[in-house]
């Protein structure tokens, strides 16, 4: 397993403003940007900024602290997989204005997005996330303290047999702009243990 190297990161829809150091990645969003595909809404977005590392390693875990400061509906940022416009995953916290936030994930396969979310009982704009890969399957987790993680979802990603492009994204579907901060980034051997039971 190689060290997470910021010099190898690739932009998806480069933002107007950003900064990258060994300690922190900052993405500044622009209005009317998002990723969304093929739902009854009729919305098609593929213009939000993301930054990814391409790797054909088949077993790994990436962990990061994600923080943002916004007061506009639907602003969001978090972990990201981007194979192409029809195959990707985004996850994180989506801003709401009514005393709660939504912890969410969207997996898009073959041009169709699903949407999984749960309401947080407090307004928070900082969260730790872990994403683990085992071949074409992935485990997404979150944690308030970076130590104790809970499962958000397990999912399969089409067209992810070999090289996978993974990292971070931020988007402002409305008329807003904010800075998303990604820090304490660790790319390690896979922490998602192989399922060894014969039935369960």
N, C-alpha and C. Protein backbone atom coordinates (compact mmCIF):
# COMPACT_ATOMS: atom_id res chain seq x y z
N UNK A 1 0.85 -1.19 0.00
CA UNK A 1 0.00 0.00 0.00
C UNK A 1 0.89 1.25 0.00
N UNK A 2 0.69 2.11 -1.01
CA UNK A 2 1.45 3.34 -1.09
C UNK A 2 0.90 4.38 -0.13
N UNK A 3 1.71 5.37 0.19
CA UNK A 3 1.28 6.51 0.99
C UNK A 3 0.31 7.37 0.17
N UNK A 4 -0.67 7.95 0.83
CA UNK A 4 -1.57 8.89 0.17
C UNK A 4 -0.74 10.11 -0.25
N UNK A 5 -0.63 10.32 -1.54
CA UNK A 5 0.26 11.35 -2.08
C UNK A 5 -0.57 12.41 -2.79
N UNK A 6 -0.61 13.62 -2.24
CA UNK A 6 -1.43 14.68 -2.82
C UNK A 6 -0.98 15.07 -4.23
N UNK A 7 0.28 14.80 -4.57
CA UNK A 7 0.77 15.15 -5.90
C UNK A 7 0.15 14.27 -6.98
N UNK A 8 -0.47 13.16 -6.60
CA UNK A 8 -1.08 12.25 -7.56
C UNK A 8 -2.59 12.46 -7.69
N UNK A 9 -3.13 13.45 -7.01
CA UNK A 9 -4.57 13.70 -7.06
C UNK A 9 -4.97 14.30 -8.41
N UNK A 10 -6.17 13.95 -8.85
CA UNK A 10 -6.71 14.38 -10.14
C UNK A 10 -8.01 15.14 -9.89
N UNK A 11 -8.17 16.28 -10.52
CA UNK A 11 -9.40 17.04 -10.36
C UNK A 11 -10.50 16.53 -11.29
N UNK A 12 -11.71 16.47 -10.75
CA UNK A 12 -12.94 16.31 -11.53
C UNK A 12 -13.64 17.66 -11.44
N UNK A 13 -13.83 18.34 -12.55
CA UNK A 13 -14.43 19.68 -12.55
C UNK A 13 -13.67 20.62 -11.60
N UNK A 14 -12.45 21.01 -11.95
CA UNK A 14 -11.64 21.85 -11.05
C UNK A 14 -12.39 23.11 -10.61
N UNK A 15 -12.35 23.43 -9.31
CA UNK A 15 -13.03 24.64 -8.82
C UNK A 15 -12.20 25.89 -9.12
N UNK A 16 -12.84 27.04 -8.99
CA UNK A 16 -12.11 28.29 -9.19
C UNK A 16 -11.10 28.52 -8.08
N UNK A 17 -11.44 28.08 -6.87
CA UNK A 17 -10.56 28.30 -5.73
C UNK A 17 -10.40 27.01 -4.94
N UNK A 18 -9.17 26.69 -4.59
CA UNK A 18 -8.87 25.49 -3.80
C UNK A 18 -7.47 25.63 -3.24
N UNK A 19 -7.14 24.77 -2.29
CA UNK A 19 -5.76 24.69 -1.80
C UNK A 19 -5.49 23.26 -1.38
N UNK A 20 -4.26 22.82 -1.59
CA UNK A 20 -3.85 21.46 -1.26
C UNK A 20 -2.52 21.51 -0.54
N UNK A 21 -2.47 20.96 0.66
CA UNK A 21 -1.23 20.76 1.39
C UNK A 21 -1.21 19.32 1.90
N UNK A 22 -0.12 18.93 2.50
CA UNK A 22 -0.06 17.58 3.08
C UNK A 22 -0.99 17.44 4.27
N UNK A 23 -1.42 18.57 4.87
CA UNK A 23 -2.29 18.52 6.05
C UNK A 23 -3.76 18.68 5.73
N UNK A 24 -4.08 19.35 4.61
CA UNK A 24 -5.49 19.68 4.37
C UNK A 24 -5.74 19.95 2.90
N UNK A 25 -6.90 19.50 2.42
CA UNK A 25 -7.41 19.84 1.10
C UNK A 25 -8.64 20.73 1.30
N UNK A 26 -8.68 21.86 0.63
CA UNK A 26 -9.82 22.77 0.72
C UNK A 26 -10.41 22.96 -0.68
N UNK A 27 -11.71 22.70 -0.79
CA UNK A 27 -12.44 22.89 -2.04
C UNK A 27 -13.48 23.99 -1.81
N UNK A 28 -13.45 25.03 -2.64
CA UNK A 28 -14.46 26.09 -2.59
C UNK A 28 -15.47 25.86 -3.71
N UNK A 29 -16.73 25.77 -3.34
CA UNK A 29 -17.77 25.47 -4.33
C UNK A 29 -18.24 26.72 -5.06
N UNK A 30 -18.92 26.49 -6.16
CA UNK A 30 -19.63 27.54 -6.90
C UNK A 30 -21.11 27.19 -6.93
N UNK A 31 -21.98 28.17 -7.12
CA UNK A 31 -23.43 27.90 -7.15
C UNK A 31 -23.83 26.95 -8.27
N UNK A 32 -24.93 26.25 -8.04
CA UNK A 32 -25.58 25.40 -9.05
C UNK A 32 -24.65 24.28 -9.52
N UNK A 33 -23.99 23.64 -8.55
CA UNK A 33 -23.10 22.51 -8.86
C UNK A 33 -23.51 21.29 -8.05
N UNK A 34 -23.45 20.12 -8.69
CA UNK A 34 -23.85 18.89 -7.99
C UNK A 34 -23.50 17.70 -8.87
N UNK A 35 -23.73 16.50 -8.30
CA UNK A 35 -23.75 15.25 -9.05
C UNK A 35 -25.11 14.61 -8.83
N UNK A 36 -25.80 14.29 -9.91
CA UNK A 36 -27.12 13.65 -9.80
C UNK A 36 -27.47 13.06 -11.16
N UNK A 37 -28.18 11.94 -11.14
CA UNK A 37 -28.37 11.23 -12.40
C UNK A 37 -29.67 10.44 -12.41
N UNK A 38 -30.43 10.52 -13.49
CA UNK A 38 -31.44 9.57 -13.87
C UNK A 38 -32.51 9.23 -12.84
N UNK A 39 -33.07 10.21 -12.14
CA UNK A 39 -34.18 9.94 -11.23
C UNK A 39 -35.43 10.65 -11.75
N UNK A 40 -36.55 10.44 -11.07
CA UNK A 40 -37.80 11.06 -11.52
C UNK A 40 -37.76 12.58 -11.42
N UNK A 41 -36.80 13.14 -10.65
CA UNK A 41 -36.68 14.60 -10.58
C UNK A 41 -36.46 15.21 -11.95
N UNK A 42 -35.81 14.45 -12.83
CA UNK A 42 -35.45 14.99 -14.13
C UNK A 42 -34.18 15.84 -14.09
N UNK A 43 -33.48 15.81 -12.95
CA UNK A 43 -32.25 16.60 -12.83
C UNK A 43 -31.05 15.80 -13.29
N UNK A 44 -30.14 16.45 -14.00
CA UNK A 44 -28.90 15.83 -14.45
C UNK A 44 -27.77 16.79 -14.12
N UNK A 45 -26.94 16.44 -13.13
CA UNK A 45 -25.80 17.25 -12.74
C UNK A 45 -24.53 16.41 -12.84
N UNK A 46 -23.48 17.03 -13.36
CA UNK A 46 -22.17 16.40 -13.36
C UNK A 46 -21.09 17.48 -13.37
N UNK A 47 -21.30 18.52 -12.53
CA UNK A 47 -20.43 19.68 -12.62
C UNK A 47 -19.82 20.13 -11.30
N UNK A 48 -19.99 19.38 -10.23
CA UNK A 48 -19.41 19.76 -8.95
C UNK A 48 -17.92 19.41 -8.92
N UNK A 49 -17.13 20.12 -8.11
CA UNK A 49 -15.72 19.79 -8.01
C UNK A 49 -15.47 18.57 -7.14
N UNK A 50 -14.56 17.73 -7.60
CA UNK A 50 -14.09 16.59 -6.82
C UNK A 50 -12.61 16.40 -7.06
N UNK A 51 -11.95 15.75 -6.14
CA UNK A 51 -10.53 15.48 -6.31
C UNK A 51 -10.29 14.03 -5.91
N UNK A 52 -9.63 13.26 -6.78
CA UNK A 52 -9.57 11.81 -6.60
C UNK A 52 -8.16 11.28 -6.82
N UNK A 53 -7.93 10.13 -6.24
CA UNK A 53 -6.72 9.35 -6.44
C UNK A 53 -7.12 8.10 -7.22
N UNK A 54 -6.38 7.78 -8.27
CA UNK A 54 -6.66 6.59 -9.08
C UNK A 54 -5.75 5.46 -8.63
N UNK A 55 -6.36 4.31 -8.31
CA UNK A 55 -5.57 3.17 -7.84
C UNK A 55 -6.21 1.86 -8.26
N UNK A 56 -5.37 0.90 -8.65
CA UNK A 56 -5.88 -0.44 -8.94
C UNK A 56 -5.71 -1.38 -7.76
N UNK A 57 -5.30 -0.84 -6.59
CA UNK A 57 -5.30 -1.64 -5.36
C UNK A 57 -6.74 -2.10 -5.09
N UNK A 58 -6.93 -3.37 -4.81
CA UNK A 58 -8.28 -3.92 -4.68
C UNK A 58 -8.79 -3.97 -3.24
N UNK A 59 -7.90 -3.73 -2.27
CA UNK A 59 -8.29 -3.81 -0.86
C UNK A 59 -7.65 -2.64 -0.13
N UNK A 60 -8.46 -1.70 0.34
CA UNK A 60 -7.94 -0.54 1.05
C UNK A 60 -9.04 0.13 1.88
N UNK A 61 -8.62 1.04 2.74
CA UNK A 61 -9.53 1.89 3.51
C UNK A 61 -9.00 3.31 3.48
N UNK A 62 -9.87 4.28 3.20
CA UNK A 62 -9.50 5.68 3.32
C UNK A 62 -10.36 6.31 4.41
N UNK A 63 -9.71 7.10 5.25
CA UNK A 63 -10.38 7.76 6.37
C UNK A 63 -10.05 9.25 6.30
N UNK A 64 -11.04 10.10 6.63
CA UNK A 64 -10.80 11.55 6.60
C UNK A 64 -11.78 12.26 7.51
N UNK A 65 -11.34 13.41 7.99
CA UNK A 65 -12.21 14.33 8.70
C UNK A 65 -12.71 15.36 7.70
N UNK A 66 -14.02 15.57 7.68
CA UNK A 66 -14.64 16.49 6.71
C UNK A 66 -15.38 17.57 7.48
N UNK A 67 -15.10 18.82 7.13
CA UNK A 67 -15.76 19.95 7.81
C UNK A 67 -16.14 21.01 6.79
N UNK A 68 -17.29 21.66 7.02
CA UNK A 68 -17.70 22.77 6.17
C UNK A 68 -18.55 23.74 6.97
N UNK A 69 -18.69 24.95 6.45
CA UNK A 69 -19.44 26.00 7.14
C UNK A 69 -20.38 26.64 6.13
N UNK A 70 -21.64 26.25 6.20
CA UNK A 70 -22.61 26.76 5.24
C UNK A 70 -23.96 26.93 5.92
N UNK A 71 -24.77 27.82 5.37
CA UNK A 71 -26.12 28.04 5.90
C UNK A 71 -27.14 28.05 4.77
N UNK A 72 -26.86 27.28 3.72
CA UNK A 72 -27.74 27.25 2.56
C UNK A 72 -28.18 25.81 2.32
N UNK A 73 -29.48 25.63 2.11
CA UNK A 73 -30.05 24.30 1.87
C UNK A 73 -29.27 23.52 0.81
N UNK A 74 -29.05 22.25 1.11
CA UNK A 74 -28.52 21.25 0.19
C UNK A 74 -27.01 21.32 -0.04
N UNK A 75 -26.32 22.31 0.54
CA UNK A 75 -24.86 22.29 0.47
C UNK A 75 -24.36 20.98 1.08
N UNK A 76 -23.34 20.38 0.48
CA UNK A 76 -22.92 19.04 0.91
C UNK A 76 -21.46 18.79 0.53
N UNK A 77 -20.82 17.90 1.27
CA UNK A 77 -19.45 17.51 0.96
C UNK A 77 -19.13 16.22 1.70
N UNK A 78 -18.15 15.48 1.18
CA UNK A 78 -17.77 14.24 1.82
C UNK A 78 -16.90 13.38 0.93
N UNK A 79 -16.98 12.06 1.13
CA UNK A 79 -16.19 11.11 0.36
C UNK A 79 -16.84 10.87 -1.01
N UNK A 80 -16.03 10.37 -1.95
CA UNK A 80 -16.42 10.39 -3.35
C UNK A 80 -15.72 9.26 -4.09
N UNK A 81 -16.47 8.59 -4.97
CA UNK A 81 -15.90 7.72 -5.99
C UNK A 81 -16.40 8.24 -7.33
N UNK A 82 -15.52 8.34 -8.31
CA UNK A 82 -15.95 8.80 -9.63
C UNK A 82 -15.27 7.99 -10.71
N UNK A 83 -16.04 7.07 -11.32
CA UNK A 83 -15.54 6.30 -12.44
C UNK A 83 -15.84 7.02 -13.77
N UNK A 84 -17.06 7.47 -13.91
CA UNK A 84 -17.49 8.30 -15.04
C UNK A 84 -18.82 8.91 -14.65
N UNK A 85 -19.45 9.66 -15.56
CA UNK A 85 -20.67 10.40 -15.21
C UNK A 85 -21.84 9.50 -14.84
N UNK A 86 -21.78 8.22 -15.20
CA UNK A 86 -22.86 7.29 -14.90
C UNK A 86 -22.55 6.29 -13.80
N UNK A 87 -21.36 6.38 -13.23
CA UNK A 87 -20.93 5.44 -12.19
C UNK A 87 -20.11 6.19 -11.15
N UNK A 88 -20.75 6.50 -10.01
CA UNK A 88 -20.06 7.26 -8.97
C UNK A 88 -20.80 7.10 -7.64
N UNK A 89 -20.15 7.55 -6.58
CA UNK A 89 -20.75 7.57 -5.24
C UNK A 89 -20.36 8.88 -4.57
N UNK A 90 -21.33 9.51 -3.92
CA UNK A 90 -21.03 10.67 -3.08
C UNK A 90 -21.66 10.45 -1.71
N UNK A 91 -21.06 11.02 -0.68
CA UNK A 91 -21.56 10.80 0.68
C UNK A 91 -21.11 11.94 1.58
N UNK A 92 -21.85 12.16 2.66
CA UNK A 92 -21.45 13.19 3.61
C UNK A 92 -22.62 13.72 4.39
N UNK A 93 -22.55 15.01 4.72
CA UNK A 93 -23.64 15.71 5.39
C UNK A 93 -24.21 16.73 4.44
N UNK A 94 -25.54 16.77 4.36
CA UNK A 94 -26.23 17.78 3.57
C UNK A 94 -26.86 18.78 4.52
N UNK A 95 -26.62 20.06 4.28
CA UNK A 95 -27.11 21.10 5.18
C UNK A 95 -28.63 21.23 5.10
N UNK A 96 -29.26 21.31 6.27
CA UNK A 96 -30.68 21.63 6.40
C UNK A 96 -30.80 22.78 7.39
N UNK A 97 -31.91 23.50 7.35
CA UNK A 97 -32.03 24.71 8.18
C UNK A 97 -33.00 24.55 9.34
N UNK A 98 -33.49 23.35 9.57
CA UNK A 98 -34.52 23.18 10.59
C UNK A 98 -34.03 22.33 11.76
N UNK A 99 -32.86 22.69 12.27
CA UNK A 99 -32.30 22.12 13.50
C UNK A 99 -31.86 20.67 13.36
N UNK A 100 -31.67 20.19 12.16
CA UNK A 100 -31.05 18.88 11.98
C UNK A 100 -30.29 18.89 10.66
N UNK A 101 -29.42 17.91 10.53
CA UNK A 101 -28.70 17.71 9.29
C UNK A 101 -29.04 16.33 8.75
N UNK A 102 -28.73 16.11 7.49
CA UNK A 102 -28.96 14.81 6.88
C UNK A 102 -27.62 14.16 6.54
N UNK A 103 -27.41 12.98 7.11
CA UNK A 103 -26.28 12.15 6.75
C UNK A 103 -26.71 11.32 5.55
N UNK A 104 -25.99 11.41 4.44
CA UNK A 104 -26.52 10.84 3.21
C UNK A 104 -25.44 10.10 2.42
N UNK A 105 -25.91 9.27 1.50
CA UNK A 105 -25.04 8.70 0.47
C UNK A 105 -25.87 8.47 -0.78
N UNK A 106 -25.24 8.65 -1.91
CA UNK A 106 -25.87 8.41 -3.21
C UNK A 106 -24.94 7.51 -4.01
N UNK A 107 -25.45 6.40 -4.49
CA UNK A 107 -24.70 5.50 -5.37
C UNK A 107 -25.37 5.52 -6.74
N UNK A 108 -24.58 5.78 -7.76
CA UNK A 108 -25.09 5.83 -9.13
C UNK A 108 -24.44 4.72 -9.95
N UNK A 109 -25.26 3.82 -10.45
CA UNK A 109 -24.82 2.73 -11.32
C UNK A 109 -25.62 2.76 -12.60
N UNK A 110 -24.94 2.60 -13.73
CA UNK A 110 -25.59 2.57 -15.04
C UNK A 110 -26.51 3.77 -15.27
N UNK A 111 -26.09 4.93 -14.75
CA UNK A 111 -26.81 6.16 -15.01
C UNK A 111 -28.01 6.44 -14.14
N UNK A 112 -28.21 5.67 -13.06
CA UNK A 112 -29.34 5.90 -12.16
C UNK A 112 -28.85 6.06 -10.72
N UNK A 113 -29.26 7.16 -10.10
CA UNK A 113 -28.86 7.47 -8.72
C UNK A 113 -29.91 6.97 -7.74
N UNK A 114 -29.43 6.35 -6.65
CA UNK A 114 -30.32 6.11 -5.51
C UNK A 114 -30.03 7.21 -4.48
N UNK A 115 -30.71 7.15 -3.33
CA UNK A 115 -30.46 8.16 -2.31
C UNK A 115 -30.81 7.53 -0.96
N UNK A 116 -29.81 7.45 -0.08
CA UNK A 116 -30.00 6.94 1.28
C UNK A 116 -29.64 8.04 2.26
N UNK A 117 -30.50 8.29 3.25
CA UNK A 117 -30.20 9.35 4.20
C UNK A 117 -30.87 9.09 5.54
N UNK A 118 -30.31 9.71 6.57
CA UNK A 118 -30.91 9.69 7.90
C UNK A 118 -30.73 11.06 8.53
N UNK A 119 -31.69 11.48 9.33
CA UNK A 119 -31.61 12.78 9.99
C UNK A 119 -30.73 12.70 11.23
N UNK A 120 -29.82 13.66 11.36
CA UNK A 120 -29.05 13.80 12.60
C UNK A 120 -29.83 14.70 13.54
N UNK A 121 -29.79 14.39 14.82
CA UNK A 121 -30.61 15.15 15.78
C UNK A 121 -29.91 16.42 16.26
N UNK A 122 -28.94 16.88 15.52
CA UNK A 122 -28.24 18.11 15.88
C UNK A 122 -27.67 18.70 14.60
N UNK A 123 -27.33 19.97 14.67
CA UNK A 123 -26.66 20.60 13.54
C UNK A 123 -25.16 20.42 13.73
N UNK A 124 -24.56 19.69 12.86
CA UNK A 124 -23.11 19.51 12.89
C UNK A 124 -22.59 19.58 11.47
N UNK A 125 -21.44 20.17 11.31
CA UNK A 125 -20.85 20.27 9.99
C UNK A 125 -19.43 19.71 9.99
N UNK A 126 -19.18 18.80 10.94
CA UNK A 126 -17.91 18.09 10.99
C UNK A 126 -18.19 16.61 11.23
N UNK A 127 -17.56 15.75 10.45
CA UNK A 127 -17.76 14.31 10.59
C UNK A 127 -16.53 13.59 10.04
N UNK A 128 -16.23 12.43 10.64
CA UNK A 128 -15.21 11.54 10.10
C UNK A 128 -15.91 10.47 9.25
N UNK A 129 -15.24 10.08 8.16
CA UNK A 129 -15.77 9.03 7.29
C UNK A 129 -14.67 8.02 6.98
N UNK A 130 -15.11 6.77 6.76
CA UNK A 130 -14.23 5.72 6.28
C UNK A 130 -14.89 5.04 5.10
N UNK A 131 -14.11 4.82 4.06
CA UNK A 131 -14.57 4.08 2.89
C UNK A 131 -13.59 2.95 2.65
N UNK A 132 -14.11 1.71 2.61
CA UNK A 132 -13.27 0.54 2.42
C UNK A 132 -13.65 -0.16 1.13
N UNK A 133 -12.63 -0.66 0.42
CA UNK A 133 -12.86 -1.39 -0.82
C UNK A 133 -12.44 -2.84 -0.67
N UNK A 134 -13.30 -3.73 -1.15
CA UNK A 134 -12.97 -5.14 -1.35
C UNK A 134 -13.42 -5.49 -2.76
N UNK A 135 -12.52 -5.36 -3.72
CA UNK A 135 -12.87 -5.60 -5.12
C UNK A 135 -13.83 -4.54 -5.62
N UNK A 136 -15.02 -4.97 -6.08
CA UNK A 136 -16.04 -4.04 -6.58
C UNK A 136 -17.07 -3.68 -5.52
N UNK A 137 -16.84 -4.09 -4.27
CA UNK A 137 -17.76 -3.82 -3.17
C UNK A 137 -17.11 -2.85 -2.19
N UNK A 138 -17.96 -2.05 -1.55
CA UNK A 138 -17.48 -0.97 -0.70
C UNK A 138 -18.29 -0.88 0.58
N UNK A 139 -17.63 -0.47 1.65
CA UNK A 139 -18.28 -0.22 2.93
C UNK A 139 -18.03 1.23 3.31
N UNK A 140 -19.13 1.96 3.59
CA UNK A 140 -19.07 3.36 3.97
C UNK A 140 -19.47 3.49 5.44
N UNK A 141 -18.65 4.21 6.23
CA UNK A 141 -18.89 4.37 7.66
C UNK A 141 -18.70 5.83 8.05
N UNK A 142 -19.27 6.20 9.21
CA UNK A 142 -19.07 7.55 9.73
C UNK A 142 -18.83 7.50 11.23
N UNK A 143 -18.25 8.59 11.75
CA UNK A 143 -17.91 8.66 13.17
C UNK A 143 -17.86 10.12 13.60
N UNK A 144 -18.35 10.40 14.80
CA UNK A 144 -18.28 11.76 15.34
C UNK A 144 -16.91 12.07 15.91
N UNK A 145 -16.19 11.03 16.37
CA UNK A 145 -14.91 11.27 17.04
C UNK A 145 -13.69 10.71 16.31
N UNK A 146 -13.91 10.04 15.20
CA UNK A 146 -12.80 9.47 14.45
C UNK A 146 -12.29 8.16 15.00
N UNK A 147 -12.93 7.64 16.03
CA UNK A 147 -12.50 6.40 16.67
C UNK A 147 -13.55 5.30 16.56
N UNK A 148 -14.80 5.66 16.80
CA UNK A 148 -15.89 4.68 16.83
C UNK A 148 -16.78 4.91 15.60
N UNK A 149 -16.72 3.97 14.67
CA UNK A 149 -17.41 4.13 13.39
C UNK A 149 -18.66 3.26 13.33
N UNK A 150 -19.67 3.80 12.63
CA UNK A 150 -20.91 3.07 12.39
C UNK A 150 -21.13 2.94 10.89
N UNK A 151 -21.72 1.83 10.50
CA UNK A 151 -21.98 1.57 9.08
C UNK A 151 -23.06 2.51 8.55
N UNK A 152 -22.79 3.15 7.40
CA UNK A 152 -23.80 3.91 6.68
C UNK A 152 -24.44 3.04 5.60
N UNK A 153 -23.62 2.34 4.85
CA UNK A 153 -24.14 1.42 3.85
C UNK A 153 -23.01 0.57 3.28
N UNK A 154 -23.41 -0.56 2.70
CA UNK A 154 -22.52 -1.39 1.90
C UNK A 154 -23.10 -1.38 0.49
N UNK A 155 -22.24 -1.31 -0.53
CA UNK A 155 -22.76 -1.19 -1.89
C UNK A 155 -21.78 -1.78 -2.90
N UNK A 156 -22.33 -2.09 -4.07
CA UNK A 156 -21.55 -2.58 -5.21
C UNK A 156 -21.44 -1.45 -6.22
N UNK A 157 -20.26 -1.33 -6.81
CA UNK A 157 -20.05 -0.31 -7.83
C UNK A 157 -19.72 -0.99 -9.16
N UNK A 158 -20.56 -0.75 -10.16
CA UNK A 158 -20.27 -1.27 -11.48
C UNK A 158 -19.05 -0.57 -12.08
N UNK A 159 -18.36 -1.26 -12.95
CA UNK A 159 -17.17 -0.72 -13.61
C UNK A 159 -16.10 -0.32 -12.60
N UNK A 160 -15.97 -1.11 -11.55
CA UNK A 160 -14.94 -0.87 -10.53
C UNK A 160 -14.15 -2.15 -10.27
N UNK A 161 -13.93 -2.92 -11.32
CA UNK A 161 -13.22 -4.19 -11.14
C UNK A 161 -11.72 -3.96 -10.94
N UNK A 162 -11.18 -2.94 -11.59
CA UNK A 162 -9.74 -2.71 -11.55
C UNK A 162 -9.45 -1.35 -10.92
N UNK A 163 -9.13 -0.37 -11.74
CA UNK A 163 -8.79 0.96 -11.22
C UNK A 163 -10.04 1.67 -10.70
N UNK A 164 -9.93 2.25 -9.51
CA UNK A 164 -11.01 3.04 -8.92
C UNK A 164 -10.47 4.43 -8.61
N UNK A 165 -11.28 5.44 -8.90
CA UNK A 165 -10.91 6.83 -8.60
C UNK A 165 -11.73 7.29 -7.40
N UNK A 166 -11.06 7.56 -6.30
CA UNK A 166 -11.74 7.87 -5.04
C UNK A 166 -11.10 9.07 -4.36
N UNK A 167 -11.92 9.79 -3.60
CA UNK A 167 -11.41 10.97 -2.90
C UNK A 167 -12.52 11.77 -2.27
N UNK A 168 -12.64 13.05 -2.68
CA UNK A 168 -13.50 13.99 -1.97
C UNK A 168 -14.24 14.89 -2.96
N UNK A 169 -15.42 15.36 -2.54
CA UNK A 169 -16.20 16.26 -3.38
C UNK A 169 -16.87 17.30 -2.50
N UNK A 170 -17.35 18.38 -3.13
CA UNK A 170 -18.18 19.38 -2.46
C UNK A 170 -19.09 19.99 -3.50
N UNK A 171 -20.34 20.28 -3.11
CA UNK A 171 -21.27 20.84 -4.09
C UNK A 171 -22.26 21.80 -3.45
N UNK A 172 -22.70 22.76 -4.26
CA UNK A 172 -23.70 23.75 -3.85
C UNK A 172 -24.81 23.76 -4.91
N UNK A 173 -25.81 22.89 -4.76
CA UNK A 173 -26.89 22.86 -5.76
C UNK A 173 -27.68 24.16 -5.84
N UNK A 174 -27.70 24.93 -4.75
CA UNK A 174 -28.42 26.20 -4.74
C UNK A 174 -27.52 27.37 -5.08
N UNK A 175 -27.95 28.55 -4.67
CA UNK A 175 -27.21 29.78 -4.96
C UNK A 175 -26.28 30.07 -3.78
N UNK A 176 -25.17 29.35 -3.72
CA UNK A 176 -24.28 29.51 -2.57
C UNK A 176 -22.86 29.11 -2.93
N UNK A 177 -21.97 29.38 -2.01
CA UNK A 177 -20.58 28.95 -2.12
C UNK A 177 -20.04 28.77 -0.72
N UNK A 178 -19.23 27.74 -0.51
CA UNK A 178 -18.64 27.50 0.81
C UNK A 178 -17.31 26.77 0.63
N UNK A 179 -16.55 26.69 1.71
CA UNK A 179 -15.28 25.98 1.72
C UNK A 179 -15.44 24.65 2.45
N UNK A 180 -15.10 23.56 1.77
CA UNK A 180 -15.09 22.23 2.38
C UNK A 180 -13.65 21.86 2.71
N UNK A 181 -13.43 21.36 3.93
CA UNK A 181 -12.07 21.06 4.39
C UNK A 181 -11.94 19.56 4.70
N UNK A 182 -10.91 18.96 4.13
CA UNK A 182 -10.64 17.54 4.30
C UNK A 182 -9.27 17.38 4.93
N UNK A 183 -9.23 16.77 6.10
CA UNK A 183 -7.97 16.66 6.83
C UNK A 183 -7.86 15.29 7.51
N UNK A 184 -6.75 15.06 8.18
CA UNK A 184 -6.48 13.79 8.87
C UNK A 184 -6.71 12.60 7.93
N UNK A 185 -6.24 12.76 6.70
CA UNK A 185 -6.45 11.74 5.67
C UNK A 185 -5.49 10.58 5.86
N UNK A 186 -6.04 9.37 5.89
CA UNK A 186 -5.23 8.16 6.03
C UNK A 186 -5.71 7.13 5.01
N UNK A 187 -4.77 6.61 4.23
CA UNK A 187 -5.05 5.54 3.27
C UNK A 187 -4.27 4.32 3.72
N UNK A 188 -4.98 3.27 4.09
CA UNK A 188 -4.36 2.13 4.75
C UNK A 188 -4.80 0.81 4.13
N UNK A 189 -4.24 -0.26 4.64
CA UNK A 189 -4.74 -1.59 4.31
C UNK A 189 -6.21 -1.68 4.70
N UNK A 190 -6.94 -2.55 4.04
CA UNK A 190 -8.39 -2.64 4.25
C UNK A 190 -8.74 -3.04 5.68
N UNK A 191 -9.56 -2.22 6.33
CA UNK A 191 -10.04 -2.51 7.68
C UNK A 191 -11.35 -3.27 7.68
N UNK A 192 -11.93 -3.45 6.53
CA UNK A 192 -13.19 -4.19 6.37
C UNK A 192 -12.83 -5.66 6.22
N UNK A 193 -13.08 -6.42 7.25
CA UNK A 193 -12.65 -7.81 7.28
C UNK A 193 -13.48 -8.68 6.34
N UNK A 194 -12.83 -9.67 5.78
CA UNK A 194 -13.52 -10.61 4.90
C UNK A 194 -14.59 -11.37 5.67
N UNK A 195 -15.74 -11.57 5.01
CA UNK A 195 -16.83 -12.30 5.64
C UNK A 195 -16.52 -13.79 5.60
N UNK A 196 -16.33 -14.39 6.78
CA UNK A 196 -15.86 -15.77 6.83
C UNK A 196 -16.89 -16.80 7.25
N UNK A 197 -18.08 -16.35 7.68
CA UNK A 197 -19.09 -17.30 8.15
C UNK A 197 -19.69 -18.06 6.97
N UNK A 198 -20.08 -19.30 7.18
CA UNK A 198 -20.62 -20.11 6.10
C UNK A 198 -22.05 -19.70 5.72
N UNK A 199 -22.80 -19.18 6.69
CA UNK A 199 -24.19 -18.80 6.38
C UNK A 199 -24.47 -17.35 6.71
N UNK A 200 -23.97 -16.86 7.84
CA UNK A 200 -24.35 -15.51 8.27
C UNK A 200 -23.10 -14.67 8.51
